[in-house]
Amino acid sequence: MTAILFYILSAVCIISSILMIFHKNAMYSVLYLLICFFSVAGLFVMLNAQFLSIVHVIVYAGAIMVLFLYVIMFLNMSTPVTIRKSKLIMVIACFTGAMVCFVLTTALWATDFGSDPAIVDQNIGMASILGKYLFKEFLIPFEVSSILFLSAMVGVVIFNKKDYKDE
């Protein structure tokens, strides 16, 4: 059952990503990207990484997609745009694609698929385990990073504050 679900989610992810790349309308591309994000989140759940799945949905499918939609609507990119490309750019793109295929092929060729996998704790991706490690072993770095983020936000507000002088 899990293998069937894996194949279904993988096929949805691959098909939606291909449709996202080749669709001429930017709004439909964003919607296909959203489908791809949700299928990847489903794959994370299958890997017993519930926290990563929820963060993926909240951050990518939530915040980043809203940003993409805002930019598309702001730039009025909902109509299909055709861009004329020069021959040089097409040659460079083909060369880059060929190099990516070469790197992936050599990486797969060098991988030893016959070896035994390392023994990994099955509860490694659970939110409860992550919370225990975060608030027991890494409490001080977690709090220091929160103070750093808070000071960065205050700095941005101070730098962007406009001075209104009496005229």
N, C-alpha and C. Protein backbone atom coordinates (compact mmCIF):
# COMPACT_ATOMS: atom_id res chain seq x y z
N MET A 1 0.82 -1.20 0.00
CA MET A 1 0.00 0.00 0.00
C MET A 1 0.87 1.27 0.00
N THR A 2 1.94 1.23 0.82
CA THR A 2 2.80 2.41 0.87
C THR A 2 3.56 2.61 -0.44
N ALA A 3 3.89 1.51 -1.10
CA ALA A 3 4.59 1.63 -2.38
C ALA A 3 3.68 2.26 -3.43
N ILE A 4 2.41 1.88 -3.43
CA ILE A 4 1.46 2.47 -4.38
C ILE A 4 1.29 3.96 -4.10
N LEU A 5 1.17 4.32 -2.82
CA LEU A 5 1.03 5.72 -2.46
C LEU A 5 2.28 6.51 -2.83
N PHE A 6 3.46 5.89 -2.63
CA PHE A 6 4.70 6.55 -3.02
C PHE A 6 4.74 6.82 -4.52
N TYR A 7 4.36 5.82 -5.31
CA TYR A 7 4.37 6.00 -6.77
C TYR A 7 3.35 7.03 -7.22
N ILE A 8 2.20 7.07 -6.58
CA ILE A 8 1.18 8.07 -6.94
C ILE A 8 1.68 9.47 -6.62
N LEU A 9 2.22 9.66 -5.39
CA LEU A 9 2.72 10.98 -5.01
C LEU A 9 3.91 11.40 -5.87
N SER A 10 4.78 10.46 -6.19
CA SER A 10 5.92 10.78 -7.05
C SER A 10 5.47 11.16 -8.45
N ALA A 11 4.51 10.43 -8.99
CA ALA A 11 4.00 10.76 -10.33
C ALA A 11 3.32 12.12 -10.34
N VAL A 12 2.54 12.42 -9.30
CA VAL A 12 1.89 13.74 -9.21
C VAL A 12 2.94 14.83 -9.13
N CYS A 13 4.00 14.60 -8.35
CA CYS A 13 5.07 15.59 -8.21
C CYS A 13 5.78 15.82 -9.53
N ILE A 14 6.13 14.76 -10.22
CA ILE A 14 6.86 14.89 -11.48
C ILE A 14 6.00 15.53 -12.56
N ILE A 15 4.75 15.08 -12.68
CA ILE A 15 3.87 15.63 -13.71
C ILE A 15 3.56 17.09 -13.45
N SER A 16 3.28 17.45 -12.19
CA SER A 16 2.97 18.85 -11.91
C SER A 16 4.19 19.75 -12.08
N SER A 17 5.38 19.24 -11.79
CA SER A 17 6.57 20.06 -11.99
C SER A 17 6.86 20.25 -13.48
N ILE A 18 6.62 19.21 -14.28
CA ILE A 18 6.80 19.37 -15.74
C ILE A 18 5.77 20.34 -16.30
N LEU A 19 4.52 20.22 -15.85
CA LEU A 19 3.49 21.16 -16.30
C LEU A 19 3.80 22.59 -15.86
N MET A 20 4.37 22.73 -14.66
CA MET A 20 4.74 24.05 -14.17
C MET A 20 5.80 24.69 -15.06
N ILE A 21 6.76 23.91 -15.50
CA ILE A 21 7.84 24.44 -16.31
C ILE A 21 7.36 24.83 -17.70
N PHE A 22 6.52 24.01 -18.30
CA PHE A 22 6.17 24.22 -19.70
C PHE A 22 4.87 24.98 -19.93
N HIS A 23 4.15 25.37 -18.89
CA HIS A 23 2.90 26.11 -19.10
C HIS A 23 3.23 27.57 -19.38
N LYS A 24 2.51 28.16 -20.31
CA LYS A 24 2.80 29.53 -20.72
C LYS A 24 2.17 30.57 -19.79
N ASN A 25 1.10 30.21 -19.08
CA ASN A 25 0.45 31.13 -18.17
C ASN A 25 1.09 31.02 -16.79
N ALA A 26 1.54 32.13 -16.23
CA ALA A 26 2.26 32.12 -14.96
C ALA A 26 1.36 31.72 -13.80
N MET A 27 0.08 32.07 -13.85
CA MET A 27 -0.83 31.71 -12.77
C MET A 27 -1.01 30.19 -12.69
N TYR A 28 -1.15 29.55 -13.84
CA TYR A 28 -1.27 28.09 -13.84
C TYR A 28 0.04 27.44 -13.39
N SER A 29 1.15 28.03 -13.73
CA SER A 29 2.44 27.50 -13.28
C SER A 29 2.54 27.53 -11.76
N VAL A 30 2.07 28.61 -11.16
CA VAL A 30 2.08 28.70 -9.69
C VAL A 30 1.17 27.64 -9.08
N LEU A 31 0.03 27.40 -9.69
CA LEU A 31 -0.88 26.39 -9.16
C LEU A 31 -0.28 24.98 -9.29
N TYR A 32 0.40 24.72 -10.40
CA TYR A 32 1.08 23.43 -10.54
C TYR A 32 2.22 23.29 -9.53
N LEU A 33 2.90 24.39 -9.22
CA LEU A 33 3.94 24.36 -8.20
C LEU A 33 3.34 24.06 -6.83
N LEU A 34 2.16 24.59 -6.57
CA LEU A 34 1.48 24.31 -5.31
C LEU A 34 1.14 22.82 -5.19
N ILE A 35 0.67 22.23 -6.27
CA ILE A 35 0.38 20.79 -6.27
C ILE A 35 1.66 19.99 -6.01
N CYS A 36 2.76 20.43 -6.61
CA CYS A 36 4.04 19.76 -6.40
C CYS A 36 4.48 19.87 -4.93
N PHE A 37 4.29 21.04 -4.32
CA PHE A 37 4.64 21.21 -2.91
C PHE A 37 3.84 20.27 -2.01
N PHE A 38 2.54 20.14 -2.28
CA PHE A 38 1.73 19.26 -1.45
C PHE A 38 2.10 17.79 -1.65
N SER A 39 2.46 17.40 -2.85
CA SER A 39 2.88 16.01 -3.05
C SER A 39 4.22 15.73 -2.38
N VAL A 40 5.12 16.71 -2.37
CA VAL A 40 6.39 16.53 -1.66
C VAL A 40 6.14 16.46 -0.15
N ALA A 41 5.19 17.24 0.35
CA ALA A 41 4.84 17.15 1.77
C ALA A 41 4.28 15.77 2.10
N GLY A 42 3.51 15.19 1.19
CA GLY A 42 3.03 13.83 1.39
C GLY A 42 4.16 12.82 1.42
N LEU A 43 5.16 13.03 0.58
CA LEU A 43 6.33 12.15 0.61
C LEU A 43 7.10 12.28 1.92
N PHE A 44 7.16 13.50 2.47
CA PHE A 44 7.80 13.68 3.78
C PHE A 44 7.04 12.93 4.87
N VAL A 45 5.71 12.94 4.79
CA VAL A 45 4.93 12.19 5.78
C VAL A 45 5.22 10.69 5.67
N MET A 46 5.38 10.21 4.44
CA MET A 46 5.70 8.79 4.26
C MET A 46 7.07 8.44 4.82
N LEU A 47 7.98 9.41 4.88
CA LEU A 47 9.31 9.18 5.44
C LEU A 47 9.34 9.37 6.95
N ASN A 48 8.16 9.54 7.56
CA ASN A 48 8.01 9.74 9.00
C ASN A 48 8.66 11.05 9.45
N ALA A 49 8.60 12.07 8.60
CA ALA A 49 9.12 13.39 8.93
C ALA A 49 7.95 14.37 8.95
N GLN A 50 7.09 14.21 9.96
CA GLN A 50 5.88 15.02 10.03
C GLN A 50 6.18 16.50 10.22
N PHE A 51 7.17 16.81 11.03
CA PHE A 51 7.51 18.21 11.26
C PHE A 51 7.97 18.88 9.98
N LEU A 52 8.83 18.20 9.25
CA LEU A 52 9.32 18.74 7.99
C LEU A 52 8.18 18.92 6.99
N SER A 53 7.23 18.01 7.00
CA SER A 53 6.08 18.11 6.12
C SER A 53 5.23 19.33 6.46
N ILE A 54 4.97 19.53 7.73
CA ILE A 54 4.14 20.66 8.15
C ILE A 54 4.85 21.98 7.88
N VAL A 55 6.15 22.04 8.16
CA VAL A 55 6.91 23.26 7.87
C VAL A 55 6.94 23.52 6.37
N HIS A 56 7.05 22.47 5.58
CA HIS A 56 7.06 22.61 4.12
C HIS A 56 5.74 23.19 3.63
N VAL A 57 4.64 22.71 4.17
CA VAL A 57 3.33 23.23 3.77
C VAL A 57 3.15 24.67 4.22
N ILE A 58 3.52 24.96 5.45
CA ILE A 58 3.31 26.31 5.97
C ILE A 58 4.22 27.32 5.27
N VAL A 59 5.50 26.99 5.16
CA VAL A 59 6.45 27.96 4.61
C VAL A 59 6.33 28.05 3.09
N TYR A 60 6.43 26.93 2.40
CA TYR A 60 6.46 26.98 0.95
C TYR A 60 5.07 27.12 0.34
N ALA A 61 4.16 26.22 0.70
CA ALA A 61 2.83 26.28 0.11
C ALA A 61 2.04 27.45 0.65
N GLY A 62 2.40 27.97 1.79
CA GLY A 62 1.70 29.12 2.35
C GLY A 62 2.37 30.42 1.99
N ALA A 63 3.48 30.70 2.61
CA ALA A 63 4.11 32.03 2.50
C ALA A 63 4.74 32.27 1.13
N ILE A 64 5.51 31.34 0.64
CA ILE A 64 6.20 31.56 -0.64
C ILE A 64 5.21 31.63 -1.79
N MET A 65 4.17 30.82 -1.76
CA MET A 65 3.18 30.86 -2.83
C MET A 65 2.40 32.17 -2.82
N VAL A 66 2.12 32.70 -1.64
CA VAL A 66 1.46 34.00 -1.56
C VAL A 66 2.37 35.07 -2.15
N LEU A 67 3.65 34.97 -1.87
CA LEU A 67 4.60 35.92 -2.45
C LEU A 67 4.65 35.80 -3.97
N PHE A 68 4.69 34.57 -4.49
CA PHE A 68 4.68 34.38 -5.95
C PHE A 68 3.42 34.96 -6.57
N LEU A 69 2.28 34.67 -5.96
CA LEU A 69 1.02 35.18 -6.51
C LEU A 69 0.97 36.70 -6.46
N TYR A 70 1.49 37.29 -5.40
CA TYR A 70 1.52 38.74 -5.29
C TYR A 70 2.40 39.34 -6.39
N VAL A 71 3.55 38.77 -6.63
CA VAL A 71 4.44 39.29 -7.67
C VAL A 71 3.81 39.14 -9.05
N ILE A 72 3.17 38.00 -9.30
CA ILE A 72 2.54 37.79 -10.60
C ILE A 72 1.41 38.79 -10.81
N MET A 73 0.60 39.01 -9.78
CA MET A 73 -0.49 39.97 -9.92
C MET A 73 0.03 41.40 -9.99
N PHE A 74 1.09 41.68 -9.26
CA PHE A 74 1.66 43.03 -9.27
C PHE A 74 2.26 43.37 -10.63
N LEU A 75 2.93 42.40 -11.23
CA LEU A 75 3.56 42.63 -12.53
C LEU A 75 2.62 42.34 -13.70
N ASN A 76 1.39 41.93 -13.40
CA ASN A 76 0.38 41.61 -14.42
C ASN A 76 0.93 40.57 -15.40
N MET A 77 1.40 39.46 -14.83
CA MET A 77 1.98 38.40 -15.65
C MET A 77 1.00 37.28 -15.91
N SER A 78 -0.29 37.54 -15.74
CA SER A 78 -1.26 36.47 -15.92
C SER A 78 -1.47 36.12 -17.39
N THR A 79 -1.08 36.99 -18.29
CA THR A 79 -1.20 36.68 -19.71
C THR A 79 0.07 36.00 -20.18
N PRO A 80 -0.04 35.08 -21.12
CA PRO A 80 1.17 34.39 -21.60
C PRO A 80 2.14 35.36 -22.26
N VAL A 81 3.41 35.14 -21.99
CA VAL A 81 4.46 35.99 -22.53
C VAL A 81 5.38 35.12 -23.38
N THR A 82 5.63 35.55 -24.57
CA THR A 82 6.60 34.85 -25.41
C THR A 82 7.86 35.69 -25.51
N ILE A 83 8.96 35.08 -25.22
CA ILE A 83 10.24 35.77 -25.23
C ILE A 83 11.07 35.20 -26.36
N ARG A 84 11.60 36.06 -27.17
CA ARG A 84 12.47 35.61 -28.26
C ARG A 84 13.88 35.45 -27.71
N LYS A 85 14.42 34.28 -27.94
CA LYS A 85 15.75 33.97 -27.43
C LYS A 85 16.73 33.91 -28.59
N SER A 86 17.92 34.39 -28.34
CA SER A 86 18.94 34.33 -29.38
C SER A 86 19.51 32.92 -29.45
N LYS A 87 20.21 32.65 -30.51
CA LYS A 87 20.81 31.33 -30.71
C LYS A 87 21.88 31.05 -29.65
N LEU A 88 22.60 32.09 -29.24
CA LEU A 88 23.65 31.91 -28.23
C LEU A 88 23.06 31.46 -26.90
N ILE A 89 21.96 32.07 -26.51
CA ILE A 89 21.32 31.68 -25.25
C ILE A 89 20.80 30.25 -25.33
N MET A 90 20.27 29.88 -26.49
CA MET A 90 19.78 28.50 -26.66
C MET A 90 20.94 27.50 -26.56
N VAL A 91 22.09 27.83 -27.14
CA VAL A 91 23.25 26.94 -27.08
C VAL A 91 23.75 26.83 -25.65
N ILE A 92 23.81 27.95 -24.93
CA ILE A 92 24.26 27.94 -23.53
C ILE A 92 23.30 27.14 -22.67
N ALA A 93 21.99 27.29 -22.91
CA ALA A 93 21.01 26.53 -22.15
C ALA A 93 21.13 25.04 -22.41
N CYS A 94 21.32 24.66 -23.66
CA CYS A 94 21.50 23.24 -23.99
C CYS A 94 22.77 22.68 -23.37
N PHE A 95 23.85 23.45 -23.39
CA PHE A 95 25.10 23.02 -22.78
C PHE A 95 24.93 22.85 -21.27
N THR A 96 24.26 23.80 -20.63
CA THR A 96 24.03 23.70 -19.18
C THR A 96 23.18 22.50 -18.85
N GLY A 97 22.13 22.26 -19.61
CA GLY A 97 21.29 21.07 -19.40
C GLY A 97 22.06 19.78 -19.58
N ALA A 98 22.93 19.75 -20.58
CA ALA A 98 23.74 18.56 -20.81
C ALA A 98 24.72 18.34 -19.66
N MET A 99 25.26 19.40 -19.11
CA MET A 99 26.18 19.27 -17.98
C MET A 99 25.45 18.78 -16.73
N VAL A 100 24.22 19.26 -16.50
CA VAL A 100 23.44 18.78 -15.36
C VAL A 100 23.14 17.29 -15.52
N CYS A 101 22.77 16.88 -16.73
CA CYS A 101 22.52 15.46 -16.99
C CYS A 101 23.79 14.64 -16.79
N PHE A 102 24.93 15.17 -17.20
CA PHE A 102 26.21 14.48 -17.01
C PHE A 102 26.52 14.30 -15.53
N VAL A 103 26.33 15.36 -14.73
CA VAL A 103 26.62 15.28 -13.30
C VAL A 103 25.68 14.28 -12.62
N LEU A 104 24.39 14.30 -12.97
CA LEU A 104 23.46 13.35 -12.38
C LEU A 104 23.79 11.91 -12.78
N THR A 105 24.17 11.72 -14.02
CA THR A 105 24.53 10.37 -14.49
C THR A 105 25.77 9.86 -13.78
N THR A 106 26.79 10.69 -13.64
CA THR A 106 28.01 10.24 -12.95
C THR A 106 27.75 10.02 -11.46
N ALA A 107 26.87 10.82 -10.86
CA ALA A 107 26.54 10.60 -9.45
C ALA A 107 25.80 9.28 -9.26
N LEU A 108 24.87 8.98 -10.17
CA LEU A 108 24.17 7.70 -10.08
C LEU A 108 25.10 6.53 -10.38
N TRP A 109 26.02 6.73 -11.29
CA TRP A 109 26.96 5.68 -11.64
C TRP A 109 27.88 5.35 -10.47
N ALA A 110 28.28 6.37 -9.71
CA ALA A 110 29.21 6.17 -8.61
C ALA A 110 28.53 5.69 -7.33
N THR A 111 27.20 5.70 -7.30
CA THR A 111 26.48 5.29 -6.10
C THR A 111 26.44 3.78 -6.00
N ASP A 112 26.68 3.28 -4.80
CA ASP A 112 26.65 1.85 -4.55
C ASP A 112 25.28 1.50 -3.98
N PHE A 113 24.39 1.00 -4.83
CA PHE A 113 23.04 0.69 -4.40
C PHE A 113 22.95 -0.67 -3.72
N GLY A 114 23.96 -1.50 -3.83
CA GLY A 114 23.91 -2.83 -3.26
C GLY A 114 24.29 -2.90 -1.80
N SER A 115 24.85 -1.84 -1.24
CA SER A 115 25.31 -1.91 0.14
C SER A 115 24.13 -1.81 1.10
N ASP A 116 24.36 -2.26 2.31
CA ASP A 116 23.33 -2.19 3.34
C ASP A 116 23.18 -0.76 3.81
N PRO A 117 21.95 -0.30 3.98
CA PRO A 117 21.76 1.08 4.45
C PRO A 117 22.12 1.20 5.93
N ALA A 118 22.48 2.38 6.31
CA ALA A 118 22.83 2.62 7.70
C ALA A 118 21.58 2.51 8.57
N ILE A 119 21.76 2.06 9.78
CA ILE A 119 20.64 1.94 10.70
C ILE A 119 20.33 3.32 11.25
N VAL A 120 19.09 3.73 11.05
CA VAL A 120 18.66 5.07 11.45
C VAL A 120 17.48 4.94 12.39
N ASP A 121 17.43 5.81 13.38
CA ASP A 121 16.29 5.83 14.29
C ASP A 121 15.03 6.17 13.50
N GLN A 122 13.99 5.37 13.63
CA GLN A 122 12.78 5.56 12.85
C GLN A 122 11.97 6.78 13.30
N ASN A 123 12.21 7.28 14.49
CA ASN A 123 11.46 8.42 15.01
C ASN A 123 12.21 9.74 14.82
N ILE A 124 13.17 9.77 13.90
CA ILE A 124 14.04 10.94 13.76
C ILE A 124 13.30 12.17 13.26
N GLY A 125 12.24 12.02 12.50
CA GLY A 125 11.55 13.17 11.93
C GLY A 125 10.31 13.59 12.69
N MET A 126 10.03 12.97 13.80
CA MET A 126 8.82 13.28 14.55
C MET A 126 8.97 14.61 15.28
N ALA A 127 7.87 15.34 15.37
CA ALA A 127 7.90 16.66 15.99
C ALA A 127 8.20 16.57 17.48
N SER A 128 7.74 15.53 18.15
CA SER A 128 8.00 15.41 19.59
C SER A 128 9.48 15.19 19.88
N ILE A 129 10.14 14.37 19.07
CA ILE A 129 11.58 14.15 19.24
C ILE A 129 12.36 15.42 18.95
N LEU A 130 11.96 16.12 17.89
CA LEU A 130 12.62 17.38 17.55
C LEU A 130 12.46 18.41 18.66
N GLY A 131 11.25 18.49 19.24
CA GLY A 131 11.02 19.42 20.35
C GLY A 131 11.86 19.09 21.57
N LYS A 132 12.01 17.81 21.87
CA LYS A 132 12.83 17.41 23.01
C LYS A 132 14.29 17.81 22.81
N TYR A 133 14.82 17.56 21.60
CA TYR A 133 16.20 17.96 21.33
C TYR A 133 16.35 19.48 21.30
N LEU A 134 15.37 20.16 20.75
CA LEU A 134 15.47 21.61 20.60
C LEU A 134 15.43 22.31 21.94
N PHE A 135 14.58 21.86 22.84
CA PHE A 135 14.42 22.56 24.11
C PHE A 135 15.20 21.95 25.26
N LYS A 136 15.92 20.86 25.04
CA LYS A 136 16.79 20.33 26.08
C LYS A 136 18.26 20.57 25.74
N GLU A 137 18.70 20.04 24.59
CA GLU A 137 20.11 20.13 24.25
C GLU A 137 20.48 21.44 23.57
N PHE A 138 19.56 22.02 22.81
CA PHE A 138 19.88 23.20 22.01
C PHE A 138 19.08 24.42 22.46
N LEU A 139 18.78 24.51 23.75
CA LEU A 139 17.97 25.62 24.24
C LEU A 139 18.71 26.95 24.13
N ILE A 140 19.95 26.99 24.52
CA ILE A 140 20.72 28.25 24.50
C ILE A 140 20.91 28.75 23.06
N PRO A 141 21.35 27.93 22.11
CA PRO A 141 21.45 28.45 20.73
C PRO A 141 20.10 28.86 20.15
N PHE A 142 19.03 28.15 20.54
CA PHE A 142 17.70 28.51 20.07
C PHE A 142 17.30 29.89 20.58
N GLU A 143 17.54 30.16 21.83
CA GLU A 143 17.20 31.46 22.41
C GLU A 143 18.10 32.58 21.87
N VAL A 144 19.38 32.28 21.66
CA VAL A 144 20.29 33.28 21.10
C VAL A 144 19.87 33.63 19.68
N SER A 145 19.47 32.64 18.90
CA SER A 145 19.02 32.94 17.53
C SER A 145 17.72 33.73 17.55
N SER A 146 16.84 33.48 18.51
CA SER A 146 15.60 34.27 18.57
C SER A 146 15.91 35.72 18.94
N ILE A 147 16.88 35.95 19.81
CA ILE A 147 17.28 37.33 20.14
C ILE A 147 17.93 37.99 18.93
N LEU A 148 18.71 37.24 18.18
CA LEU A 148 19.33 37.76 16.97
C LEU A 148 18.27 38.16 15.95
N PHE A 149 17.26 37.31 15.74
CA PHE A 149 16.19 37.64 14.80
C PHE A 149 15.39 38.86 15.27
N LEU A 150 15.13 38.95 16.58
CA LEU A 150 14.40 40.09 17.12
C LEU A 150 15.19 41.37 16.92
N SER A 151 16.48 41.34 17.16
CA SER A 151 17.29 42.55 16.96
C SER A 151 17.37 42.91 15.48
N ALA A 152 17.39 41.92 14.59
CA ALA A 152 17.39 42.20 13.15
C ALA A 152 16.08 42.87 12.73
N MET A 153 14.95 42.40 13.27
CA MET A 153 13.66 43.03 12.94
C MET A 153 13.60 44.46 13.45
N VAL A 154 14.10 44.69 14.66
CA VAL A 154 14.13 46.06 15.20
C VAL A 154 15.03 46.93 14.35
N GLY A 155 16.17 46.41 13.91
CA GLY A 155 17.07 47.17 13.04
C GLY A 155 16.43 47.53 11.72
N VAL A 156 15.69 46.61 11.13
CA VAL A 156 15.01 46.90 9.87
C VAL A 156 13.97 47.99 10.06
N VAL A 157 13.23 47.93 11.15
CA VAL A 157 12.22 48.96 11.42
C VAL A 157 12.89 50.31 11.62
N ILE A 158 14.00 50.35 12.33
CA ILE A 158 14.70 51.62 12.57
C ILE A 158 15.28 52.18 11.28
N PHE A 159 15.88 51.31 10.45
CA PHE A 159 16.47 51.79 9.19
C PHE A 159 15.42 52.26 8.20
N ASN A 160 14.26 51.66 8.21
CA ASN A 160 13.22 52.04 7.26
C ASN A 160 12.29 53.13 7.77
N LYS A 161 12.49 53.57 8.99
CA LYS A 161 11.65 54.62 9.54
C LYS A 161 11.98 55.93 8.84
N LYS A 162 10.95 56.61 8.38
CA LYS A 162 11.14 57.88 7.71
C LYS A 162 11.10 59.00 8.72
N ASP A 163 11.98 59.94 8.53
CA ASP A 163 11.99 61.09 9.42
C ASP A 163 11.07 62.16 8.84
N TYR A 164 10.08 62.52 9.62
CA TYR A 164 9.17 63.59 9.20
C TYR A 164 9.58 64.85 9.94
N LYS A 165 10.10 65.80 9.18
CA LYS A 165 10.56 67.04 9.79
C LYS A 165 9.46 68.09 9.62
N ASP A 166 9.39 68.96 10.58
CA ASP A 166 8.41 70.06 10.49
C ASP A 166 8.85 71.03 9.42
N GLU A 167 7.92 71.37 8.58
CA GLU A 167 8.25 72.28 7.49
C GLU A 167 7.60 73.63 7.74
